[in-house]
């Protein structure tokens, strides 16, 4: 019996690196999705409204809600950093990466990158329309906004794009510390974009948290699709290993 159990354990799909990676992606996707659903329910029931409004007021000068805490240059720096999550900047980043992938003829990877980004934009629009949460009005906004508040598009799309780009660049190196560095840069950029949205008064903290959760979930779903597709596509596997012939 013990010999049979050892034999079966050795044949389980999650015993190899592919299966382990697949399992981790699934667990991460499940955690992010459940976290987002729980937060959505709290926001829809206005259970977080008191905290959200308190947090925005706490970031303004007492008696002068039009002035953010800190020196004047900090507000300007926040506007610069928050632009990293704007649609215009993200489109430029994706187009630059897509151009590079086209030049080296990695068409499969190009399709996955563009599909992931466009899909993330559409999902964000749908989620915003479903809850239709108004933008904060408890403090003056320090930058212009137009769409609904939850989830934060800047937070969600920066997570989607920058994490996807980090995963893409990580394929170019086999060193774990370099992979960790790329992931760290993507996470820091996503974190800063989200924090500046709250600092500028255009999003509640829960809007940003919802954007992060949705963005991470979408990035993990994209990674899951890529992993399965490469398992069954010789062409994509060659691209991932850099074995395609450049022009």
C-alpha atoms as a PDB file:
ATOM      1  CA  UNK A   1       0.000   0.000   0.000  1.00  0.00           C
ATOM      2  CA  UNK A   2       2.767   2.468   0.889  1.00  0.00           C
ATOM      3  CA  UNK A   3       4.533   1.698  -2.359  1.00  0.00           C
ATOM      4  CA  UNK A   4       1.308   2.393  -4.259  1.00  0.00           C
ATOM      5  CA  UNK A   5       0.792   5.741  -2.479  1.00  0.00           C
ATOM      6  CA  UNK A   6       4.357   6.789  -3.255  1.00  0.00           C
ATOM      7  CA  UNK A   7       3.789   5.855  -6.878  1.00  0.00           C
ATOM      8  CA  UNK A   8       0.572   7.907  -7.056  1.00  0.00           C
ATOM      9  CA  UNK A   9       2.176  10.948  -5.365  1.00  0.00           C
ATOM     10  CA  UNK A  10       4.951  10.830  -7.895  1.00  0.00           C
ATOM     11  CA  UNK A  11       2.405  11.024 -10.734  1.00  0.00           C
ATOM     12  CA  UNK A  12       0.370  13.944  -9.360  1.00  0.00           C
ATOM     13  CA  UNK A  13       0.455  16.956 -11.735  1.00  0.00           C
ATOM     14  CA  UNK A  14       1.457  19.411  -9.025  1.00  0.00           C
ATOM     15  CA  UNK A  15       4.636  17.490  -8.277  1.00  0.00           C
ATOM     16  CA  UNK A  16       6.454  19.181 -11.198  1.00  0.00           C
ATOM     17  CA  UNK A  17       7.284  22.873 -11.557  1.00  0.00           C
ATOM     18  CA  UNK A  18       4.425  23.438 -14.000  1.00  0.00           C
ATOM     19  CA  UNK A  19       1.853  21.970 -11.628  1.00  0.00           C
ATOM     20  CA  UNK A  20       3.208  23.851  -8.616  1.00  0.00           C
ATOM     21  CA  UNK A  21       3.190  27.127 -10.524  1.00  0.00           C
ATOM     22  CA  UNK A  22      -0.337  26.469 -11.731  1.00  0.00           C
ATOM     23  CA  UNK A  23      -1.525  25.718  -8.202  1.00  0.00           C
ATOM     24  CA  UNK A  24       0.062  28.903  -6.813  1.00  0.00           C
ATOM     25  CA  UNK A  25      -1.524  31.000  -9.541  1.00  0.00           C
ATOM     26  CA  UNK A  26      -4.922  29.477  -8.845  1.00  0.00           C
ATOM     27  CA  UNK A  27      -4.617  30.084  -5.104  1.00  0.00           C
ATOM     28  CA  UNK A  28      -3.512  33.679  -5.651  1.00  0.00           C
ATOM     29  CA  UNK A  29      -6.350  34.281  -8.108  1.00  0.00           C
ATOM     30  CA  UNK A  30      -8.884  32.814  -5.683  1.00  0.00           C
ATOM     31  CA  UNK A  31      -7.599  34.919  -2.776  1.00  0.00           C
ATOM     32  CA  UNK A  32      -7.623  38.179  -4.786  1.00  0.00           C
ATOM     33  CA  UNK A  33     -11.080  37.472  -6.220  1.00  0.00           C
ATOM     34  CA  UNK A  34     -12.639  36.614  -2.859  1.00  0.00           C
ATOM     35  CA  UNK A  35     -10.990  39.672  -1.299  1.00  0.00           C
ATOM     36  CA  UNK A  36     -12.431  41.901  -4.008  1.00  0.00           C
ATOM     37  CA  UNK A  37     -15.924  40.420  -3.644  1.00  0.00           C
ATOM     38  CA  UNK A  38     -15.845  40.924   0.134  1.00  0.00           C
ATOM     39  CA  UNK A  39     -14.678  44.524  -0.263  1.00  0.00           C
ATOM     40  CA  UNK A  40     -17.314  45.169  -2.945  1.00  0.00           C
ATOM     41  CA  UNK A  41     -20.026  44.036  -0.534  1.00  0.00           C
ATOM     42  CA  UNK A  42     -18.730  46.320   2.231  1.00  0.00           C
ATOM     43  CA  UNK A  43     -18.516  49.332  -0.089  1.00  0.00           C
ATOM     44  CA  UNK A  44     -21.967  48.690  -1.582  1.00  0.00           C
ATOM     45  CA  UNK A  45     -23.453  48.580   1.937  1.00  0.00           C
ATOM     46  CA  UNK A  46     -21.532  51.814   2.805  1.00  0.00           C
ATOM     47  CA  UNK A  47     -19.868  50.041   5.709  1.00  0.00           C
ATOM     48  CA  UNK A  48     -16.530  51.643   4.807  1.00  0.00           C
ATOM     49  CA  UNK A  49     -17.793  55.181   4.179  1.00  0.00           C
ATOM     50  CA  UNK A  50     -16.914  56.577   7.606  1.00  0.00           C
ATOM     51  CA  UNK A  51     -13.346  55.294   7.421  1.00  0.00           C
ATOM     52  CA  UNK A  52     -12.936  56.440   3.817  1.00  0.00           C
ATOM     53  CA  UNK A  53     -14.008  59.998   4.578  1.00  0.00           C
ATOM     54  CA  UNK A  54     -11.882  60.146   7.734  1.00  0.00           C
ATOM     55  CA  UNK A  55      -8.798  59.051   5.799  1.00  0.00           C
ATOM     56  CA  UNK A  56      -9.259  61.748   3.162  1.00  0.00           C
ATOM     57  CA  UNK A  57      -9.734  64.469   5.775  1.00  0.00           C
ATOM     58  CA  UNK A  58      -6.671  63.243   7.691  1.00  0.00           C
ATOM     59  CA  UNK A  59      -4.517  63.940   4.627  1.00  0.00           C
ATOM     60  CA  UNK A  60      -5.478  67.648   4.520  1.00  0.00           C
ATOM     61  CA  UNK A  61      -4.263  70.592   6.576  1.00  0.00           C
ATOM     62  CA  UNK A  62      -6.545  71.244   9.596  1.00  0.00           C
ATOM     63  CA  UNK A  63      -8.947  74.052   8.711  1.00  0.00           C
ATOM     64  CA  UNK A  64      -7.740  74.115   5.091  1.00  0.00           C
ATOM     65  CA  UNK A  65      -9.158  71.058   3.279  1.00  0.00           C
ATOM     66  CA  UNK A  66      -7.979  72.471  -0.068  1.00  0.00           C
ATOM     67  CA  UNK A  67      -4.339  71.986   1.008  1.00  0.00           C
ATOM     68  CA  UNK A  68      -2.786  68.523   1.226  1.00  0.00           C
ATOM     69  CA  UNK A  69      -0.505  67.688   4.132  1.00  0.00           C
ATOM     70  CA  UNK A  70       3.164  68.295   3.516  1.00  0.00           C
ATOM     71  CA  UNK A  71       5.184  70.802   1.487  1.00  0.00           C
ATOM     72  CA  UNK A  72       3.838  72.226  -1.781  1.00  0.00           C
ATOM     73  CA  UNK A  73       6.254  70.190  -3.887  1.00  0.00           C
ATOM     74  CA  UNK A  74       4.744  66.962  -2.533  1.00  0.00           C
ATOM     75  CA  UNK A  75       1.393  67.638  -4.216  1.00  0.00           C
ATOM     76  CA  UNK A  76       3.155  68.300  -7.512  1.00  0.00           C
ATOM     77  CA  UNK A  77       5.203  65.129  -7.117  1.00  0.00           C
ATOM     78  CA  UNK A  78       2.013  63.178  -6.373  1.00  0.00           C
ATOM     79  CA  UNK A  79       0.478  64.409  -9.629  1.00  0.00           C
ATOM     80  CA  UNK A  80       3.604  63.316 -11.499  1.00  0.00           C
ATOM     81  CA  UNK A  81       3.614  59.860  -9.920  1.00  0.00           C
ATOM     82  CA  UNK A  82      -0.118  59.312 -10.321  1.00  0.00           C
ATOM     83  CA  UNK A  83       0.315  59.849 -14.082  1.00  0.00           C
ATOM     84  CA  UNK A  84       2.146  56.501 -14.183  1.00  0.00           C
ATOM     85  CA  UNK A  85      -1.285  54.905 -13.852  1.00  0.00           C
ATOM     86  CA  UNK A  86      -3.048  57.159 -16.363  1.00  0.00           C
ATOM     87  CA  UNK A  87      -4.450  55.735 -19.570  1.00  0.00           C
ATOM     88  CA  UNK A  88      -2.135  57.846 -21.726  1.00  0.00           C
ATOM     89  CA  UNK A  89       1.049  56.677 -19.985  1.00  0.00           C
ATOM     90  CA  UNK A  90      -0.053  53.043 -19.850  1.00  0.00           C
ATOM     91  CA  UNK A  91      -0.939  53.092 -23.548  1.00  0.00           C
ATOM     92  CA  UNK A  92       2.543  54.446 -24.325  1.00  0.00           C
ATOM     93  CA  UNK A  93       4.153  51.692 -22.218  1.00  0.00           C
ATOM     94  CA  UNK A  94       2.104  48.939 -23.835  1.00  0.00           C
ATOM     95  CA  UNK A  95       2.714  50.320 -27.334  1.00  0.00           C
ATOM     96  CA  UNK A  96       6.461  50.497 -26.691  1.00  0.00           C
ATOM     97  CA  UNK A  97       6.550  46.899 -25.469  1.00  0.00           C
ATOM     98  CA  UNK A  98       4.270  45.772 -28.298  1.00  0.00           C
ATOM     99  CA  UNK A  99       6.578  47.460 -30.823  1.00  0.00           C
ATOM    100  CA  UNK A 100       9.580  45.630 -29.392  1.00  0.00           C
ATOM    101  CA  UNK A 101       7.767  42.285 -29.492  1.00  0.00           C
ATOM    102  CA  UNK A 102       6.749  42.924 -33.099  1.00  0.00           C
ATOM    103  CA  UNK A 103      10.343  43.754 -34.084  1.00  0.00           C
ATOM    104  CA  UNK A 104      11.611  40.474 -32.627  1.00  0.00           C
ATOM    105  CA  UNK A 105       8.600  38.631 -34.060  1.00  0.00           C
ATOM    106  CA  UNK A 106       7.227  37.307 -30.794  1.00  0.00           C
ATOM    107  CA  UNK A 107       3.678  37.430 -32.109  1.00  0.00           C
ATOM    108  CA  UNK A 108       2.168  35.091 -29.554  1.00  0.00           C
ATOM    109  CA  UNK A 109       3.559  37.062 -26.628  1.00  0.00           C
ATOM    110  CA  UNK A 110       2.464  40.302 -28.310  1.00  0.00           C
ATOM    111  CA  UNK A 111      -1.111  39.032 -28.571  1.00  0.00           C
ATOM    112  CA  UNK A 112      -1.106  37.988 -24.917  1.00  0.00           C
ATOM    113  CA  UNK A 113       0.197  41.367 -23.723  1.00  0.00           C
ATOM    114  CA  UNK A 114      -2.283  43.397 -25.766  1.00  0.00           C
ATOM    115  CA  UNK A 115      -5.156  41.065 -24.919  1.00  0.00           C
ATOM    116  CA  UNK A 116      -4.401  41.251 -21.212  1.00  0.00           C
ATOM    117  CA  UNK A 117      -4.253  45.050 -21.259  1.00  0.00           C
ATOM    118  CA  UNK A 118      -7.397  45.597 -23.336  1.00  0.00           C
ATOM    119  CA  UNK A 119      -9.253  43.022 -21.253  1.00  0.00           C
ATOM    120  CA  UNK A 120      -8.210  44.785 -18.049  1.00  0.00           C
ATOM    121  CA  UNK A 121      -9.538  48.117 -19.332  1.00  0.00           C
ATOM    122  CA  UNK A 122     -12.896  46.572 -20.265  1.00  0.00           C
ATOM    123  CA  UNK A 123     -13.236  44.788 -16.916  1.00  0.00           C
ATOM    124  CA  UNK A 124     -12.497  48.032 -15.058  1.00  0.00           C
ATOM    125  CA  UNK A 125     -15.150  49.926 -17.033  1.00  0.00           C
ATOM    126  CA  UNK A 126     -17.742  47.222 -16.331  1.00  0.00           C
ATOM    127  CA  UNK A 127     -16.963  47.116 -12.608  1.00  0.00           C
ATOM    128  CA  UNK A 128     -17.183  50.889 -12.295  1.00  0.00           C
ATOM    129  CA  UNK A 129     -20.557  50.971 -14.029  1.00  0.00           C
ATOM    130  CA  UNK A 130     -21.927  48.120 -11.910  1.00  0.00           C
ATOM    131  CA  UNK A 131     -21.353  49.811  -8.540  1.00  0.00           C
ATOM    132  CA  UNK A 132     -21.511  53.414  -9.828  1.00  0.00           C
ATOM    133  CA  UNK A 133     -19.899  54.877  -6.705  1.00  0.00           C
ATOM    134  CA  UNK A 134     -19.597  58.686  -6.794  1.00  0.00           C
ATOM    135  CA  UNK A 135     -16.198  60.330  -6.440  1.00  0.00           C
ATOM    136  CA  UNK A 136     -15.225  61.743  -3.020  1.00  0.00           C
ATOM    137  CA  UNK A 137     -16.612  65.191  -2.199  1.00  0.00           C
ATOM    138  CA  UNK A 138     -15.462  65.531   1.412  1.00  0.00           C
ATOM    139  CA  UNK A 139     -12.287  67.340   0.294  1.00  0.00           C
ATOM    140  CA  UNK A 140     -11.419  69.297  -2.863  1.00  0.00           C
ATOM    141  CA  UNK A 141      -9.813  67.166  -5.571  1.00  0.00           C
ATOM    142  CA  UNK A 142      -6.295  68.150  -6.558  1.00  0.00           C
ATOM    143  CA  UNK A 143      -6.471  66.687 -10.069  1.00  0.00           C
ATOM    144  CA  UNK A 144      -9.152  66.220 -12.707  1.00  0.00           C
ATOM    145  CA  UNK A 145     -11.268  63.024 -12.876  1.00  0.00           C
ATOM    146  CA  UNK A 146     -14.318  61.944 -14.881  1.00  0.00           C
ATOM    147  CA  UNK A 147     -15.346  58.326 -14.273  1.00  0.00           C
ATOM    148  CA  UNK A 148     -16.916  56.466 -11.355  1.00  0.00           C
ATOM    149  CA  UNK A 149     -14.900  55.875  -8.204  1.00  0.00           C
ATOM    150  CA  UNK A 150     -14.843  52.117  -7.453  1.00  0.00           C
ATOM    151  CA  UNK A 151     -12.570  50.409  -8.249  1.00  0.00           C
ATOM    152  CA  UNK A 152      -9.739  52.825  -8.991  1.00  0.00           C
ATOM    153  CA  UNK A 153      -8.800  52.527 -12.649  1.00  0.00           C
ATOM    154  CA  UNK A 154      -5.306  53.872 -12.015  1.00  0.00           C
ATOM    155  CA  UNK A 155      -4.688  51.271  -9.295  1.00  0.00           C
ATOM    156  CA  UNK A 156      -6.185  48.372 -11.251  1.00  0.00           C
ATOM    157  CA  UNK A 157      -4.586  49.094 -14.618  1.00  0.00           C
ATOM    158  CA  UNK A 158      -1.162  49.922 -13.190  1.00  0.00           C
ATOM    159  CA  UNK A 159      -1.237  46.564 -11.385  1.00  0.00           C
ATOM    160  CA  UNK A 160      -2.326  44.801 -14.559  1.00  0.00           C
ATOM    161  CA  UNK A 161       0.175  46.446 -16.912  1.00  0.00           C
ATOM    162  CA  UNK A 162       3.246  46.736 -14.689  1.00  0.00           C
ATOM    163  CA  UNK A 163       2.938  43.227 -13.238  1.00  0.00           C
ATOM    164  CA  UNK A 164       2.452  41.820 -16.737  1.00  0.00           C
ATOM    165  CA  UNK A 165       5.499  43.729 -18.008  1.00  0.00           C
ATOM    166  CA  UNK A 166       7.550  42.512 -15.051  1.00  0.00           C
ATOM    167  CA  UNK A 167       6.578  38.910 -15.773  1.00  0.00           C
ATOM    168  CA  UNK A 168       7.494  39.425 -19.414  1.00  0.00           C
ATOM    169  CA  UNK A 169      10.919  40.895 -18.657  1.00  0.00           C
ATOM    170  CA  UNK A 170      11.570  38.207 -16.043  1.00  0.00           C
ATOM    171  CA  UNK A 171      11.601  35.671 -18.881  1.00  0.00           C
ATOM    172  CA  UNK A 172      14.817  37.252 -20.163  1.00  0.00           C
ATOM    173  CA  UNK A 173      16.836  36.194 -17.132  1.00  0.00           C
ATOM    174  CA  UNK A 174      17.270  33.011 -15.168  1.00  0.00           C
ATOM    175  CA  UNK A 175      18.530  34.749 -12.021  1.00  0.00           C
ATOM    176  CA  UNK A 176      16.003  34.762  -9.226  1.00  0.00           C
ATOM    177  CA  UNK A 177      17.214  38.009  -7.670  1.00  0.00           C
ATOM    178  CA  UNK A 178      16.694  39.803 -10.988  1.00  0.00           C
ATOM    179  CA  UNK A 179      13.198  38.361 -11.283  1.00  0.00           C
ATOM    180  CA  UNK A 180      12.502  39.518  -7.715  1.00  0.00           C
ATOM    181  CA  UNK A 181      13.849  42.989  -8.567  1.00  0.00           C
ATOM    182  CA  UNK A 182      11.548  43.329 -11.584  1.00  0.00           C
ATOM    183  CA  UNK A 183       8.546  42.201  -9.559  1.00  0.00           C
ATOM    184  CA  UNK A 184       9.523  44.599  -6.766  1.00  0.00           C
ATOM    185  CA  UNK A 185       9.725  47.575  -9.140  1.00  0.00           C
ATOM    186  CA  UNK A 186       6.295  46.729 -10.571  1.00  0.00           C
ATOM    187  CA  UNK A 187       4.789  46.413  -7.092  1.00  0.00           C
ATOM    188  CA  UNK A 188       6.320  49.692  -5.879  1.00  0.00           C
ATOM    189  CA  UNK A 189       5.051  51.554  -8.953  1.00  0.00           C
ATOM    190  CA  UNK A 190       1.576  50.118  -8.448  1.00  0.00           C
ATOM    191  CA  UNK A 191       1.646  50.969  -4.732  1.00  0.00           C
ATOM    192  CA  UNK A 192       2.721  54.579  -5.323  1.00  0.00           C
ATOM    193  CA  UNK A 193       0.100  55.150  -8.006  1.00  0.00           C
ATOM    194  CA  UNK A 194      -2.643  53.942  -5.673  1.00  0.00           C
ATOM    195  CA  UNK A 195      -1.457  56.009  -2.706  1.00  0.00           C
ATOM    196  CA  UNK A 196      -1.297  59.193  -4.756  1.00  0.00           C
ATOM    197  CA  UNK A 197      -4.934  58.741  -5.795  1.00  0.00           C
ATOM    198  CA  UNK A 198      -5.955  58.959  -2.144  1.00  0.00           C
ATOM    199  CA  UNK A 199      -3.516  61.789  -1.377  1.00  0.00           C
ATOM    200  CA  UNK A 200      -4.944  63.868  -4.236  1.00  0.00           C
ATOM    201  CA  UNK A 201      -8.484  63.290  -2.967  1.00  0.00           C
ATOM    202  CA  UNK A 202      -9.831  61.644  -6.120  1.00  0.00           C
ATOM    203  CA  UNK A 203     -10.358  58.193  -4.607  1.00  0.00           C
ATOM    204  CA  UNK A 204     -11.322  56.683  -1.291  1.00  0.00           C
ATOM    205  CA  UNK A 205      -8.804  54.189   0.191  1.00  0.00           C
ATOM    206  CA  UNK A 206     -11.228  51.330  -0.493  1.00  0.00           C
ATOM    207  CA  UNK A 207     -11.399  52.375  -4.163  1.00  0.00           C
ATOM    208  CA  UNK A 208      -7.651  51.909  -4.404  1.00  0.00           C
ATOM    209  CA  UNK A 209      -7.673  48.649  -2.467  1.00  0.00           C
ATOM    210  CA  UNK A 210     -10.398  47.365  -4.770  1.00  0.00           C
ATOM    211  CA  UNK A 211      -8.346  48.419  -7.785  1.00  0.00           C
ATOM    212  CA  UNK A 212      -5.272  46.617  -6.485  1.00  0.00           C
ATOM    213  CA  UNK A 213      -7.227  43.421  -5.803  1.00  0.00           C
ATOM    214  CA  UNK A 214      -8.942  43.504  -9.197  1.00  0.00           C
ATOM    215  CA  UNK A 215      -5.675  44.303 -10.968  1.00  0.00           C
ATOM    216  CA  UNK A 216      -3.765  41.527  -9.250  1.00  0.00           C
ATOM    217  CA  UNK A 217      -6.599  39.090  -9.958  1.00  0.00           C
ATOM    218  CA  UNK A 218      -6.614  40.020 -13.647  1.00  0.00           C
ATOM    219  CA  UNK A 219      -2.808  39.820 -13.880  1.00  0.00           C
ATOM    220  CA  UNK A 220      -2.873  36.367 -12.234  1.00  0.00           C
ATOM    221  CA  UNK A 221      -5.644  35.227 -14.569  1.00  0.00           C
ATOM    222  CA  UNK A 222      -3.589  36.439 -17.528  1.00  0.00           C
ATOM    223  CA  UNK A 223      -0.523  34.630 -16.198  1.00  0.00           C
ATOM    224  CA  UNK A 224      -2.616  31.482 -15.761  1.00  0.00           C
ATOM    225  CA  UNK A 225      -3.834  31.662 -19.362  1.00  0.00           C
ATOM    226  CA  UNK A 226      -0.282  32.252 -20.581  1.00  0.00           C
ATOM    227  CA  UNK A 227       1.065  29.316 -18.589  1.00  0.00           C
ATOM    228  CA  UNK A 228      -1.569  26.913 -19.927  1.00  0.00           C
ATOM    229  CA  UNK A 229      -1.226  28.251 -23.485  1.00  0.00           C
ATOM    230  CA  UNK A 230       2.538  27.765 -23.438  1.00  0.00           C
ATOM    231  CA  UNK A 231       2.084  24.248 -22.163  1.00  0.00           C
ATOM    232  CA  UNK A 232       0.114  23.442 -25.293  1.00  0.00           C
ATOM    233  CA  UNK A 233       1.812  25.710 -27.833  1.00  0.00           C
ATOM    234  CA  UNK A 234       5.281  24.916 -29.137  1.00  0.00           C
ATOM    235  CA  UNK A 235       5.536  28.400 -30.641  1.00  0.00           C
ATOM    236  CA  UNK A 236       4.799  30.182 -27.348  1.00  0.00           C
ATOM    237  CA  UNK A 237       7.212  27.911 -25.499  1.00  0.00           C
ATOM    238  CA  UNK A 238       9.952  28.859 -27.966  1.00  0.00           C
ATOM    239  CA  UNK A 239       9.191  32.546 -27.472  1.00  0.00           C
ATOM    240  CA  UNK A 240       9.309  32.191 -23.696  1.00  0.00           C
ATOM    241  CA  UNK A 241      12.729  30.549 -23.915  1.00  0.00           C
ATOM    242  CA  UNK A 242      14.001  33.044 -26.474  1.00  0.00           C
ATOM    243  CA  UNK A 243      14.451  30.438 -29.176  1.00  0.00           C
ATOM    244  CA  UNK A 244      12.603  32.344 -31.902  1.00  0.00           C
ATOM    245  CA  UNK A 245      14.701  33.617 -34.776  1.00  0.00           C
ATOM    246  CA  UNK A 246      14.907  37.425 -34.855  1.00  0.00           C
ATOM    247  CA  UNK A 247      14.429  39.251 -38.168  1.00  0.00           C
END
